[in-house]
Structures are given as structure tokens and as C-alpha cells.
Amino acid sequence: MTDPGNQTKEQFSLEDVKTTENKNIKTVIKEQLKDNVLFFATIAAVILGITLGFILRQFFTFNDNQISYFGFPGQLFLRMLKFLILPLIATSLISGIAGLGSNSAGKIAARALIYYFSTTITAVVIGIILVVIIKPGSGRAGAVDETFKLPIDTNRIVTTHDTLLDLVRNLFPDNIIEMAFREYETQFQAEYKYHLLYSNGTNMSLKFLPKGLTNSSDLTIIKEFDYYKAVSGGRRSLNVLGVILFCFVFGGVLASMGKEGEILVKIFEALNNCSVRMIKLVMMVSPIGIFSLIIATVIEMKNPSQVFQRISMYMVTVILGLIIHAFIILPGLYVLITRKNVIKFAKNMFDALFIAVATASSTAALPTTFDCIEVKNKINRLISRFVLPVGATINMDGTALYEAVAVIFIAQLNDRELKFIDLVITSFTATLAAIGAASVPSAGLVTMLIVLGALNLPTHQISLIYTVDWFLDRLRTTVNVWGDSIGAGIVDHLSRKEIEQIEEENRRNDGYQEVNQNEDIDVEVRKVQV
């Protein structure tokens, strides 16, 4: 028989275990909520913004000024983030390159650039294959609605070779202050020639019209367009390519200076930490800003059901391409090279990907991407400080895929049969345009003019693409950020030897410094004793 006392003790112990388990579960839930309160608040802001936006659309009609009031807090949020992008990129690149050293930085940069270009070209090829197979533009010539007001000038002259030259020019800015707010951009000025027709039958052609010469009874002046002349110009934008090259060289020179440059390296590391902390303060209000951006976007939509119905197959093609690239190509590449769990890696990137969806800006998501990469996925800071800022600028997989699909879609709308050479041109120009695209909302629309111009397609038909750009922009930006993150993980894995050598060298230097400090202290003590 069982002792009643022992039975009571067993019951008590079982109850204690259950109570402990319940406490542990409650503690874990509380800790998770506490650690991820900003993430859950952001999700709630997105859901609330979409819901409230559709409710307001149903019962009220707003003009453009009223819609801008809804988006005002979101504009402030984006302005604060963009304000801090320059110090974040500059300090992270300089401190990262200086920490790596010039030799290691060159190898890591080569690996990163190979990854960027290979994945971007792969994304373009995927988009071209899908749009050629699905043919979303066939038989939809009447789908174009030209009444939409576009945020870009579709009559602007854009050429592929001038765009390539502009990229090179922006790598070498002529003013270090100006590159913080102005980017070089070739502009085209119309040139004319003049035909002078005299009453006596004499005809003359002039390049320039003499001052004071006008039409009269004896003279008729005919002004005729001659050609477009390329002239230097610019637009208000951060010259990110110039900033990256300058910081890369500056950091490399600091690394080569040895002890002489250590003080400056520490200053930039402190500035980088300060920039990160300031951005974390800004991110505390991100749910409010994201809620504002989402609700303004939903209210601003023009006949969403009608638009989706007209170009549903185009959207399906783009989304399918993004899914293949984001869920098959990039994870497959990560697993193949690193042999690590990509699901765990992706789970740790949720915060950054969510910010990318909400803001539609790679640069706005950059601070959160740093945090997810370095803190959660344990990627070495020396790698992330270089790979992520450069990736946010030139690694635009989603944008390249989107532009390739959009251009061939417009060609299909116009019953234009594209030959193989046209597809090759599309691949090249879409890759080039994606590299040149600013990492800000809807920048792909501007660079799409380059691809359309290369194939002599009507630029005004971007109006149809623009109607759904607000939605697809968020998806392709998320793929861009995901591609940057995968790149950081791959480059970190491939650069383990360089990182170990750098860390070993740093430990030696720290040891030498500690020994020297101890020797100095001993000398001082002896002097005091004497």
C-alpha cells in the first residue's frame, strides 16, 4: 500500500512542476512581448491603417490637400530617417573599411560586387522568362489610361550611354559638400537651325540667328529643330555612389596609416554608434509614421478594383517573379554556400523586411537591417558595415525584375514583337537602371525611362504601371532588402579567414598595448620610489 504522506508529497511535487511550467510560459511570453513590442506595434499600425483607410474611402471623399494631412506624420518619419542616412552610411563604411584593412577590404568588396551583379542579372532573366511565357500585355491595348498625373516627366530625353556616363561621373564628385545634396544628371537642350528666305529668291541656313534680325516683308525666318545637345545638370539627391567611393578610399587610407590613424578610426566608430542610437530613437515613433503612410496610400488609390482588373496578369507576373527570386533563388544560394538554416536567418530579418514593406525605401529600412543582421543573425560588424550600405545602393534585384517585366509588358500592349537582341538590351539596361535607381520610393519609375528609351517604346504608357506602383514598390523593396541581407550572410561566410586574421591581429595589438601600458606604469612607480 502507498503511504498517504508520500502520495500527498507526490501530488504537491506535480502541482509545483505544473505551476513552474505555467510561470515559465508566462515569463517567456512577457519577455517576447517586451523585446518585440515595436514589431507588434508596427504590425498593428499596418493593419489599422489598411482597415481605417478602406473605411474612410467608403464613406468620405478627400481632395489631395486633405490626403496630405493624413500622410503628414509619415512624411516627418521618413524625413527624420533620410536625414540620418548620410551620417550612418559614411561612418559605417569608413569605420568598417578601416577595421578590415585595405587588403581584406578589396577581397570582401570583390565578393560583394560579384554577388550583387549575379543576383541582379538573375532577377532580370527570371522576369523576362515569365513575361515572355505569360504575355500579360497581349490583347490589352485599350488598358492604358493616360489621365493619370505622373510624378515624372515622361518626355524627358534619356539615353543608355549617357546614364552609364552619369554613374561614372557620380563616382567622382567635384565637391565633397555638394555630393551630400546634389547628384550629377545629364540634361538635353534643344538646338535649332534657321532658314532665311528673302523675297528676291535668295535662301540661307544659319546655325545662330543674328541679333535684331526679324521677319519682314522682304524676309521670312523659319525656325527648325536640329538636335538635342547634352549639357551638364543635376538633381537634388544624395550622391550615394560618390559617398560610397569616397568613404571606401578614406577608410582604406586610414587603415594604411596604422597607429597614426587609430584616433580618427575611433572617432568614426563613436560617430557610427551615435548615429545608430539616434536612429533607434526615431524608430520608436515608427508605428505612428507607418500608420500615417499606409492610411494616406489607401485613401489616395484611384478605383483600385478597376485598376487591378485591367492589369491583373501584369501584377501576377511581377509578383510571381519576386516570389521565385525571394523564396527559391536567394535562399537556395544562401544554403548552397553557407550550409546554414535559412529559415532561422529569415525569421531574424522580419523587422527589417516589415519596415521595407511599410516605407517602400531601402535606405529607410537600413538602420533596422543593421540591427537584425548584427544582433540577431550575428553577422560580423566589419562585414555588415560595408555590405549593407553598398547593397542598399546598387543591389536592386526586385527593381531590376520589375523594370524588365514592365517594359516588355508595354511592348506587348503595342503589339511589338521583341527579338532576342531586344531581350539582351532589356537585360543590360534593366540591370544598369536598377544600379542607378535611388533607394527611395518609386525611383524605379524614373529609371524605367532608360529601358523604354533603349527599345524605342512610348514612355507615356508608364501611366498604367504607375496606378499599381505604390503596391508593387513595397514588394520589390522588400526583395531588395532581403537580397542585401542574404548577401551579408554569404560574404560573412566566405570571409571567415580574413575576419579571423583581423581579429587575431587586433588581439595582438591590444596585448602589446596592455604590456606597454604596464611597463610605463612600472617605470613611473620606480621613479616615485627613487
Protein backbone atom coordinates (compact mmCIF):
# COMPACT_ATOMS: atom_id res chain seq x y z
CA MET A 1 0.00 0.00 0.00
CA THR A 2 1.03 3.56 -0.71
CA ASP A 3 1.84 5.81 2.18
CA PRO A 4 -0.71 8.68 2.31
CA GLY A 5 2.09 11.04 3.30
CA ASN A 6 4.17 10.06 0.25
CA GLN A 7 1.10 10.36 -2.02
CA THR A 8 0.50 13.88 -0.73
CA LYS A 9 4.15 14.78 -1.35
CA GLU A 10 3.91 13.40 -4.93
CA GLN A 11 0.77 15.48 -5.56
CA PHE A 12 2.50 18.59 -4.21
CA SER A 13 5.55 17.98 -6.42
CA LEU A 14 3.39 17.52 -9.55
CA GLU A 15 1.45 20.68 -8.77
CA ASP A 16 4.72 22.56 -8.21
CA VAL A 17 6.04 21.37 -11.61
CA LYS A 18 2.83 22.47 -13.37
CA THR A 19 2.93 25.83 -11.62
CA THR A 20 6.60 26.29 -12.57
CA GLU A 21 5.86 25.38 -16.22
CA ASN A 22 2.96 27.87 -16.33
CA LYS A 23 5.19 30.55 -14.83
CA ASN A 24 7.91 29.80 -17.37
CA ILE A 25 5.43 30.03 -20.27
CA LYS A 26 4.04 33.31 -18.94
CA THR A 27 7.55 34.66 -18.39
CA VAL A 28 8.61 33.71 -21.93
CA ILE A 29 5.51 35.36 -23.43
CA LYS A 30 6.09 38.52 -21.40
CA GLU A 31 9.75 38.63 -22.40
CA GLN A 32 8.86 38.11 -26.07
CA LEU A 33 6.27 40.89 -25.95
CA LYS A 34 8.70 43.19 -24.17
CA ASP A 35 11.55 42.50 -26.61
CA ASN A 36 9.36 42.79 -29.72
CA VAL A 37 6.90 45.48 -28.63
CA LEU A 38 7.94 47.75 -31.51
CA PHE A 39 7.48 44.95 -34.05
CA PHE A 40 3.98 44.08 -32.82
CA ALA A 41 3.07 47.77 -32.66
CA THR A 42 4.19 48.16 -36.30
CA ILE A 43 2.06 45.19 -37.40
CA ALA A 44 -0.92 46.67 -35.58
CA ALA A 45 -0.26 50.04 -37.25
CA VAL A 46 -0.27 48.46 -40.73
CA ILE A 47 -3.48 46.50 -40.09
CA LEU A 48 -5.19 49.52 -38.55
CA GLY A 49 -4.01 51.81 -41.37
CA ILE A 50 -5.35 49.49 -44.11
CA THR A 51 -8.66 48.92 -42.31
CA LEU A 52 -9.30 52.56 -41.44
CA GLY A 53 -8.18 53.66 -44.91
CA PHE A 54 -10.76 51.49 -46.69
CA ILE A 55 -13.48 52.54 -44.22
CA LEU A 56 -12.78 56.24 -44.84
CA ARG A 57 -12.73 55.64 -48.62
CA GLN A 58 -16.15 54.06 -48.39
CA PHE A 59 -17.88 56.91 -46.58
CA PHE A 60 -15.90 60.06 -47.43
CA THR A 61 -14.26 61.75 -50.42
CA PHE A 62 -10.98 63.58 -49.84
CA ASN A 63 -9.09 66.01 -52.05
CA ASP A 64 -5.30 65.97 -52.46
CA ASN A 65 -4.68 68.50 -49.68
CA GLN A 66 -6.77 66.56 -47.17
CA ILE A 67 -5.00 63.31 -48.08
CA SER A 68 -1.64 65.02 -47.49
CA TYR A 69 -2.75 65.80 -43.91
CA PHE A 70 -3.22 62.07 -43.26
CA GLY A 71 0.28 61.43 -44.56
CA PHE A 72 1.95 64.31 -42.69
CA PRO A 73 3.22 62.27 -39.67
CA GLY A 74 4.56 59.65 -42.10
CA GLN A 75 6.40 62.32 -44.08
CA LEU A 76 8.04 63.55 -40.88
CA PHE A 77 9.07 59.99 -40.03
CA LEU A 78 10.67 59.46 -43.46
CA ARG A 79 12.37 62.87 -43.34
CA MET A 80 13.97 62.02 -39.99
CA LEU A 81 15.23 58.69 -41.33
CA LYS A 82 16.59 60.21 -44.55
CA PHE A 83 18.28 62.95 -42.51
CA LEU A 84 20.31 60.32 -40.66
CA ILE A 85 21.13 58.14 -43.68
CA LEU A 86 24.22 60.12 -44.72
CA PRO A 87 25.98 60.01 -41.31
CA LEU A 88 25.02 56.34 -40.92
CA ILE A 89 26.38 55.28 -44.33
CA ALA A 90 29.53 57.43 -44.11
CA THR A 91 30.55 56.44 -40.57
CA SER A 92 29.70 52.75 -41.00
CA LEU A 93 31.68 52.48 -44.26
CA ILE A 94 34.73 54.39 -43.00
CA SER A 95 34.93 52.55 -39.69
CA GLY A 96 34.20 49.21 -41.38
CA ILE A 97 36.83 49.58 -44.13
CA ALA A 98 39.39 50.94 -41.65
CA GLY A 99 38.74 47.94 -39.42
CA LEU A 100 39.11 45.49 -42.30
CA GLY A 101 42.30 46.94 -43.73
CA SER A 102 42.91 47.75 -47.38
CA ASN A 103 43.88 44.19 -48.46
CA SER A 104 40.94 42.44 -46.78
CA ALA A 105 38.53 45.19 -47.85
CA GLY A 106 39.44 44.61 -51.50
CA LYS A 107 38.71 40.89 -51.30
CA ILE A 108 35.43 41.40 -49.45
CA ALA A 109 34.36 44.14 -51.87
CA ALA A 110 35.05 41.83 -54.83
CA ARG A 111 32.89 39.06 -53.29
CA ALA A 112 30.07 41.50 -52.55
CA LEU A 113 30.08 43.03 -56.05
CA ILE A 114 30.10 39.59 -57.73
CA TYR A 115 27.09 38.64 -55.60
CA TYR A 116 25.26 41.90 -56.38
CA PHE A 117 25.67 41.73 -60.14
CA SER A 118 24.97 37.98 -60.42
CA THR A 119 21.73 38.14 -58.40
CA THR A 120 20.53 41.28 -60.21
CA ILE A 121 21.09 39.72 -63.64
CA THR A 122 19.39 36.52 -62.42
CA ALA A 123 16.35 38.54 -61.31
CA VAL A 124 16.15 40.25 -64.72
CA VAL A 125 16.34 36.90 -66.56
CA ILE A 126 13.58 35.46 -64.35
CA GLY A 127 11.36 38.46 -65.10
CA ILE A 128 11.97 38.25 -68.86
CA ILE A 129 11.26 34.50 -68.98
CA LEU A 130 7.98 34.91 -67.07
CA VAL A 131 6.70 37.89 -69.06
CA VAL A 132 7.51 36.18 -72.38
CA ILE A 133 5.70 32.99 -71.29
CA ILE A 134 2.67 34.56 -69.58
CA LYS A 135 2.30 37.52 -72.04
CA PRO A 136 0.28 39.77 -69.68
CA GLY A 137 0.07 42.60 -72.26
CA SER A 138 -1.26 40.63 -75.22
CA GLY A 139 -4.74 41.76 -76.32
CA ARG A 140 -4.89 44.61 -73.77
CA ALA A 141 -4.08 47.60 -75.97
CA GLY A 142 -7.02 49.57 -74.58
CA ALA A 143 -5.91 49.19 -70.97
CA VAL A 144 -3.77 52.34 -70.90
CA ASP A 145 -5.32 55.25 -69.06
CA GLU A 146 -3.44 58.45 -69.89
CA THR A 147 -5.41 60.65 -67.49
CA PHE A 148 -3.15 59.87 -64.53
CA LYS A 149 -0.79 62.61 -63.43
CA LEU A 150 2.68 61.10 -63.23
CA PRO A 151 5.34 62.27 -60.74
CA ILE A 152 7.95 62.21 -63.54
CA ASP A 153 8.44 63.90 -66.89
CA THR A 154 7.89 61.17 -69.49
CA ASN A 155 9.02 63.50 -72.30
CA ARG A 156 12.48 63.74 -70.80
CA ILE A 157 15.26 62.55 -73.12
CA VAL A 158 17.15 59.59 -71.63
CA THR A 159 19.91 57.57 -73.31
CA THR A 160 21.64 54.44 -72.06
CA HIS A 161 25.20 55.60 -72.70
CA ASP A 162 24.65 58.97 -71.00
CA THR A 163 23.13 57.19 -68.00
CA LEU A 164 26.24 54.97 -67.79
CA LEU A 165 28.49 58.04 -68.01
CA ASP A 166 26.43 59.74 -65.28
CA LEU A 167 27.03 56.76 -62.99
CA VAL A 168 30.78 57.09 -63.53
CA ARG A 169 30.65 60.90 -63.04
CA ASN A 170 28.77 60.46 -59.76
CA LEU A 171 31.52 58.14 -58.53
CA PHE A 172 33.91 61.09 -58.77
CA PRO A 173 32.10 64.20 -57.44
CA ASP A 174 33.91 67.51 -57.78
CA ASN A 175 32.65 68.91 -54.48
CA ILE A 176 32.57 66.96 -51.21
CA ILE A 177 29.86 69.20 -49.75
CA GLU A 178 27.68 69.23 -52.86
CA MET A 179 27.58 65.42 -53.09
CA ALA A 180 25.53 65.40 -49.89
CA PHE A 181 22.57 67.02 -51.66
CA ARG A 182 23.15 67.02 -55.44
CA GLU A 183 23.65 64.25 -57.97
CA TYR A 184 25.01 64.77 -61.50
CA GLU A 185 22.48 64.15 -64.26
CA THR A 186 22.94 64.83 -67.97
CA GLN A 187 20.22 67.05 -69.40
CA PHE A 188 19.36 67.70 -73.02
CA GLN A 189 18.88 71.10 -74.58
CA ALA A 190 17.07 71.51 -77.90
CA GLU A 191 19.22 73.09 -80.63
CA TYR A 192 17.66 74.80 -83.66
CA LYS A 193 18.75 75.99 -87.11
CA TYR A 194 17.29 78.93 -89.01
CA HIS A 195 16.34 79.22 -92.68
CA LEU A 196 16.29 82.77 -94.15
CA LEU A 197 14.04 83.14 -97.19
CA TYR A 198 14.41 86.50 -99.00
CA SER A 199 11.85 87.92 -101.45
CA ASN A 200 14.44 88.01 -104.25
CA GLY A 201 14.75 84.20 -104.07
CA THR A 202 17.95 84.03 -102.00
CA ASN A 203 17.96 81.29 -99.32
CA MET A 204 20.33 80.94 -96.38
CA SER A 205 20.71 78.47 -93.49
CA LEU A 206 22.24 79.67 -90.22
CA LYS A 207 23.16 77.92 -87.00
CA PHE A 208 22.64 81.08 -84.93
CA LEU A 209 20.21 83.89 -85.73
CA PRO A 210 21.87 87.34 -85.79
CA LYS A 211 20.64 89.69 -83.09
CA GLY A 212 17.94 92.09 -84.28
CA LEU A 213 17.01 90.07 -87.36
CA THR A 214 13.23 89.54 -87.56
CA ASN A 215 10.53 88.69 -90.07
CA SER A 216 9.71 91.46 -92.56
CA SER A 217 8.14 91.95 -96.00
CA ASP A 218 11.46 91.06 -97.61
CA LEU A 219 12.49 88.27 -95.21
CA THR A 220 10.85 85.15 -93.82
CA ILE A 221 12.61 83.30 -90.99
CA ILE A 222 11.84 79.59 -90.46
CA LYS A 223 12.97 78.00 -87.17
CA GLU A 224 13.63 74.25 -87.47
CA PHE A 225 14.60 71.73 -84.77
CA ASP A 226 18.12 70.37 -85.34
CA TYR A 227 19.17 68.03 -82.48
CA TYR A 228 19.35 67.61 -78.70
CA LYS A 229 22.60 68.77 -77.12
CA ALA A 230 23.81 67.06 -73.93
CA VAL A 231 24.61 69.60 -71.19
CA SER A 232 25.72 69.18 -67.59
CA GLY A 233 22.98 69.29 -64.99
CA GLY A 234 21.89 67.76 -61.74
CA ARG A 235 19.04 66.97 -59.39
CA ARG A 236 18.53 67.30 -55.66
CA SER A 237 19.50 63.92 -54.26
CA LEU A 238 22.18 62.35 -52.11
CA ASN A 239 25.00 61.18 -54.38
CA VAL A 240 25.28 57.79 -52.71
CA LEU A 241 27.75 56.37 -55.24
CA GLY A 242 30.14 59.28 -54.61
CA VAL A 243 29.76 58.93 -50.85
CA ILE A 244 30.48 55.19 -51.00
CA LEU A 245 33.63 55.55 -53.13
CA PHE A 246 34.95 58.42 -51.01
CA CYS A 247 34.33 56.55 -47.75
CA PHE A 248 35.86 53.37 -49.18
CA VAL A 249 39.08 55.17 -50.15
CA PHE A 250 39.11 57.24 -46.95
CA GLY A 251 38.73 54.12 -44.79
CA GLY A 252 41.44 52.30 -46.75
CA VAL A 253 43.88 55.18 -46.30
CA LEU A 254 43.09 55.29 -42.56
CA ALA A 255 43.83 51.56 -42.32
CA SER A 256 47.18 52.03 -44.06
CA MET A 257 48.20 54.77 -41.60
CA GLY A 258 48.42 52.31 -38.69
CA LYS A 259 48.69 53.86 -35.22
CA GLU A 260 48.67 57.36 -36.68
CA GLY A 261 45.08 56.89 -37.87
CA GLU A 262 43.74 54.98 -34.83
CA ILE A 263 42.35 58.10 -33.15
CA LEU A 264 40.37 59.05 -36.25
CA VAL A 265 39.06 55.48 -36.61
CA LYS A 266 37.80 55.55 -33.02
CA ILE A 267 36.12 58.90 -33.69
CA PHE A 268 34.24 57.45 -36.67
CA GLU A 269 33.30 54.36 -34.65
CA ALA A 270 31.88 56.64 -31.94
CA LEU A 271 30.01 58.68 -34.57
CA ASN A 272 28.60 55.47 -36.03
CA ASN A 273 27.37 54.32 -32.61
CA CYS A 274 25.84 57.75 -32.07
CA SER A 275 24.05 57.60 -35.45
CA VAL A 276 22.66 54.15 -34.65
CA ARG A 277 21.34 55.33 -31.28
CA MET A 278 19.71 58.39 -32.85
CA ILE A 279 18.02 56.17 -35.44
CA LYS A 280 16.74 53.89 -32.67
CA LEU A 281 15.11 56.95 -31.11
CA VAL A 282 13.44 57.76 -34.43
CA MET A 283 12.26 54.14 -34.80
CA MET A 284 10.36 54.46 -31.53
CA VAL A 285 7.75 56.51 -33.41
CA SER A 286 7.77 54.22 -36.46
CA PRO A 287 4.28 52.74 -35.78
CA ILE A 288 2.77 56.23 -35.96
CA GLY A 289 4.69 57.11 -39.12
CA ILE A 290 3.87 53.81 -40.83
CA PHE A 291 0.20 54.07 -39.88
CA SER A 292 0.12 57.54 -41.46
CA LEU A 293 1.84 56.39 -44.68
CA ILE A 294 -0.44 53.36 -45.08
CA ILE A 295 -3.71 55.19 -44.49
CA ALA A 296 -2.75 58.01 -46.88
CA THR A 297 -1.77 55.49 -49.57
CA VAL A 298 -5.04 53.55 -49.24
CA ILE A 299 -7.18 56.70 -49.38
CA GLU A 300 -5.22 58.00 -52.40
CA MET A 301 -5.86 54.91 -54.57
CA LYS A 302 -7.89 55.63 -57.72
CA ASN A 303 -10.50 52.94 -58.45
CA PRO A 304 -8.38 50.05 -57.13
CA SER A 305 -10.77 47.27 -58.22
CA GLN A 306 -10.94 48.62 -61.79
CA VAL A 307 -7.16 49.06 -62.00
CA PHE A 308 -6.43 45.59 -60.62
CA GLN A 309 -8.88 44.06 -63.09
CA ARG A 310 -7.23 45.78 -66.09
CA ILE A 311 -3.66 44.76 -65.33
CA SER A 312 -4.14 41.77 -63.04
CA MET A 313 -1.95 39.50 -65.20
CA TYR A 314 0.87 42.05 -65.16
CA MET A 315 0.76 42.14 -61.36
CA VAL A 316 0.64 38.34 -61.21
CA THR A 317 3.75 38.16 -63.43
CA VAL A 318 5.74 40.62 -61.29
CA ILE A 319 4.67 39.05 -58.00
CA LEU A 320 5.42 35.52 -59.27
CA GLY A 321 8.90 36.63 -60.34
CA LEU A 322 9.56 38.26 -56.97
CA ILE A 323 8.37 35.13 -55.17
CA ILE A 324 10.65 32.85 -57.23
CA HIS A 325 13.64 35.13 -56.62
CA ALA A 326 12.96 35.71 -52.91
CA PHE A 327 11.85 32.21 -51.89
CA ILE A 328 13.88 29.97 -54.22
CA ILE A 329 16.92 31.70 -55.77
CA LEU A 330 18.22 33.73 -52.80
CA PRO A 331 17.56 31.13 -50.04
CA GLY A 332 18.95 28.38 -52.30
CA LEU A 333 22.11 30.40 -52.86
CA TYR A 334 22.45 31.01 -49.10
CA VAL A 335 22.02 27.32 -48.19
CA LEU A 336 24.30 26.17 -51.02
CA ILE A 337 27.19 28.42 -49.94
CA THR A 338 26.85 28.65 -46.14
CA ARG A 339 25.15 25.30 -45.32
CA LYS A 340 23.12 27.12 -42.66
CA ASN A 341 19.43 27.29 -41.72
CA VAL A 342 17.90 29.97 -43.96
CA ILE A 343 14.53 29.81 -42.16
CA LYS A 344 16.14 30.93 -38.90
CA PHE A 345 18.03 33.63 -40.80
CA ALA A 346 14.78 34.87 -42.41
CA LYS A 347 12.93 34.83 -39.09
CA ASN A 348 15.56 37.14 -37.60
CA MET A 349 15.10 39.55 -40.54
CA PHE A 350 11.34 40.06 -40.06
CA ASP A 351 11.69 43.51 -38.51
CA ALA A 352 13.74 44.89 -41.40
CA LEU A 353 11.53 43.30 -44.07
CA PHE A 354 8.44 44.71 -42.39
CA ILE A 355 9.90 48.23 -42.36
CA ALA A 356 10.74 47.79 -46.06
CA VAL A 357 7.12 46.89 -46.84
CA ALA A 358 5.78 49.81 -44.83
CA THR A 359 8.14 52.55 -46.09
CA ALA A 360 8.97 51.26 -49.63
CA SER A 361 12.53 52.53 -49.11
CA SER A 362 15.75 50.51 -48.76
CA THR A 363 17.53 53.38 -47.02
CA ALA A 364 14.68 53.84 -44.53
CA ALA A 365 14.96 50.13 -43.65
CA LEU A 366 18.77 50.25 -43.44
CA PRO A 367 19.04 51.02 -39.68
CA THR A 368 16.72 48.13 -38.80
CA THR A 369 18.58 45.89 -41.26
CA PHE A 370 21.85 46.65 -39.42
CA ASP A 371 20.23 45.65 -36.13
CA CYS A 372 18.76 42.40 -37.48
CA ILE A 373 21.98 41.40 -39.25
CA GLU A 374 24.42 42.20 -36.44
CA VAL A 375 22.40 41.46 -33.29
CA LYS A 376 20.05 38.66 -34.32
CA ASN A 377 21.95 36.90 -37.10
CA LYS A 378 25.38 37.51 -35.55
CA ILE A 379 26.99 38.76 -38.78
CA ASN A 380 30.33 40.42 -38.09
CA ARG A 381 30.08 44.21 -37.97
CA LEU A 382 33.14 44.57 -40.19
CA ILE A 383 31.18 42.84 -42.97
CA SER A 384 27.77 44.43 -42.41
CA ARG A 385 29.17 47.97 -42.28
CA PHE A 386 30.42 47.59 -45.83
CA VAL A 387 27.97 45.16 -47.48
CA LEU A 388 24.66 46.69 -46.34
CA PRO A 389 25.22 50.39 -47.27
CA VAL A 390 26.60 49.41 -50.69
CA GLY A 391 23.82 46.87 -51.20
CA ALA A 392 21.13 49.44 -50.36
CA THR A 393 22.50 51.50 -53.25
CA ILE A 394 23.38 49.13 -56.08
CA ASN A 395 21.78 45.75 -55.23
CA MET A 396 18.25 46.24 -56.58
CA ASP A 397 17.10 42.73 -57.54
CA GLY A 398 13.39 43.46 -57.15
CA THR A 399 13.61 46.74 -59.05
CA ALA A 400 15.52 45.14 -61.95
CA LEU A 401 12.97 42.33 -62.26
CA TYR A 402 10.07 44.79 -62.07
CA GLU A 403 11.51 47.04 -64.79
CA ALA A 404 12.21 44.15 -67.16
CA VAL A 405 8.64 42.85 -66.81
CA ALA A 406 7.11 46.33 -67.10
CA VAL A 407 8.99 47.24 -70.29
CA ILE A 408 8.15 44.00 -72.12
CA PHE A 409 4.55 44.35 -70.89
CA ILE A 410 4.35 47.79 -72.55
CA ALA A 411 5.88 46.31 -75.73
CA GLN A 412 3.14 43.65 -75.73
CA LEU A 413 0.48 46.36 -75.29
CA ASN A 414 1.75 47.93 -78.52
CA ASP A 415 1.90 44.57 -80.36
CA ARG A 416 5.66 44.95 -80.62
CA GLU A 417 7.49 41.72 -81.38
CA LEU A 418 10.76 41.71 -79.44
CA LYS A 419 13.69 39.85 -80.96
CA PHE A 420 16.43 38.11 -78.98
CA ILE A 421 18.71 41.15 -79.26
CA ASP A 422 15.90 43.29 -77.77
CA LEU A 423 15.72 40.96 -74.78
CA VAL A 424 19.51 41.21 -74.35
CA ILE A 425 19.26 45.02 -74.45
CA THR A 426 16.44 44.86 -71.90
CA SER A 427 18.59 42.70 -69.59
CA PHE A 428 21.55 45.05 -69.81
CA THR A 429 19.62 48.32 -69.45
CA ALA A 430 17.36 47.00 -66.66
CA THR A 431 20.44 45.94 -64.68
CA LEU A 432 22.11 49.29 -65.32
CA ALA A 433 18.96 51.24 -64.45
CA ALA A 434 18.47 49.27 -61.23
CA ILE A 435 22.02 50.12 -60.12
CA GLY A 436 21.35 53.79 -60.84
CA ALA A 437 17.98 53.79 -59.08
CA ALA A 438 17.85 55.76 -55.86
CA SER A 439 16.80 53.65 -52.87
CA VAL A 440 13.71 55.79 -52.28
CA PRO A 441 10.01 55.18 -53.03
CA SER A 442 9.03 54.92 -56.73
CA ALA A 443 12.58 55.54 -58.01
CA GLY A 444 12.06 52.64 -60.43
CA LEU A 445 9.61 54.74 -62.45
CA VAL A 446 12.31 57.25 -63.30
CA THR A 447 14.91 54.68 -64.30
CA MET A 448 12.32 52.80 -66.36
CA LEU A 449 12.52 55.65 -68.88
CA ILE A 450 16.05 54.43 -69.69
CA VAL A 451 14.86 50.93 -70.57
CA LEU A 452 11.89 52.21 -72.58
CA GLY A 453 14.15 54.61 -74.46
CA ALA A 454 16.58 51.80 -75.33
CA LEU A 455 13.74 49.90 -77.08
CA ASN A 456 12.03 52.99 -78.57
CA LEU A 457 8.79 52.32 -76.67
CA PRO A 458 6.26 55.06 -75.77
CA THR A 459 7.16 56.50 -72.38
CA HIS A 460 3.71 57.96 -71.68
CA GLN A 461 2.31 54.45 -71.18
CA ILE A 462 4.06 54.30 -67.81
CA SER A 463 0.76 55.78 -66.58
CA LEU A 464 -0.73 52.29 -66.46
CA ILE A 465 2.22 50.98 -64.43
CA TYR A 466 2.01 53.94 -62.06
CA THR A 467 -1.51 53.04 -60.98
CA VAL A 468 -0.19 49.98 -59.11
CA ASP A 469 3.36 51.16 -58.44
CA TRP A 470 2.56 52.04 -54.82
CA PHE A 471 1.79 48.34 -54.17
CA LEU A 472 4.50 46.65 -56.26
CA ASP A 473 7.07 49.17 -54.99
CA ARG A 474 6.68 47.78 -51.48
CA LEU A 475 7.12 44.20 -52.64
CA ARG A 476 10.21 44.85 -54.77
CA THR A 477 11.78 46.95 -51.99
CA THR A 478 11.31 44.04 -49.60
CA VAL A 479 13.07 41.75 -52.08
CA ASN A 480 15.88 44.33 -52.37
CA VAL A 481 16.39 44.36 -48.59
CA TRP A 482 16.16 40.56 -48.41
CA GLY A 483 18.81 40.32 -51.14
CA ASP A 484 21.11 42.68 -49.22
CA SER A 485 20.68 40.58 -46.08
CA ILE A 486 21.40 37.29 -47.86
CA GLY A 487 24.46 38.95 -49.40
CA ALA A 488 25.75 39.97 -45.97
CA GLY A 489 25.35 36.39 -44.72
CA ILE A 490 27.13 34.89 -47.75
CA VAL A 491 30.01 37.39 -47.75
CA ASP A 492 30.44 36.90 -43.99
CA HIS A 493 30.70 33.13 -44.50
CA LEU A 494 33.18 33.44 -47.39
CA SER A 495 35.31 35.97 -45.49
CA ARG A 496 35.82 33.97 -42.29
CA LYS A 497 39.59 33.64 -42.80
CA GLU A 498 40.06 37.37 -43.30
CA ILE A 499 37.88 38.15 -40.28
CA GLU A 500 39.79 35.67 -38.07
CA GLN A 501 43.11 37.18 -39.17
CA ILE A 502 41.88 40.70 -38.43
CA GLU A 503 40.52 39.70 -35.00
CA GLU A 504 43.78 37.86 -34.17
CA GLU A 505 45.79 40.90 -35.20
CA ASN A 506 43.56 43.16 -33.09
CA ARG A 507 44.05 40.89 -30.07
CA ARG A 508 47.81 41.03 -30.54
CA ASN A 509 47.76 44.81 -30.80
CA ASP A 510 45.61 45.03 -27.67
CA GLY A 511 48.06 42.73 -25.88
CA TYR A 512 51.05 44.81 -26.95
CA GLN A 513 49.30 47.99 -25.83
CA GLU A 514 48.49 46.44 -22.44
CA VAL A 515 52.12 45.30 -21.99
CA ASN A 516 53.41 48.76 -22.93
CA GLN A 517 50.99 50.39 -20.51
CA ASN A 518 52.14 48.06 -17.70
CA GLU A 519 55.79 48.83 -18.48
CA ASP A 520 55.07 52.56 -18.40
CA ILE A 521 53.35 52.15 -15.03
CA ASP A 522 56.35 50.20 -13.64
CA VAL A 523 58.73 52.92 -14.82
CA GLU A 524 56.63 55.59 -13.12
CA VAL A 525 56.49 53.58 -9.88
CA ARG A 526 60.30 53.19 -9.86
CA LYS A 527 60.72 56.93 -10.41
CA VAL A 528 58.44 57.65 -7.45
CA GLN A 529 60.32 55.15 -5.26
CA VAL A 530 63.67 56.70 -6.17
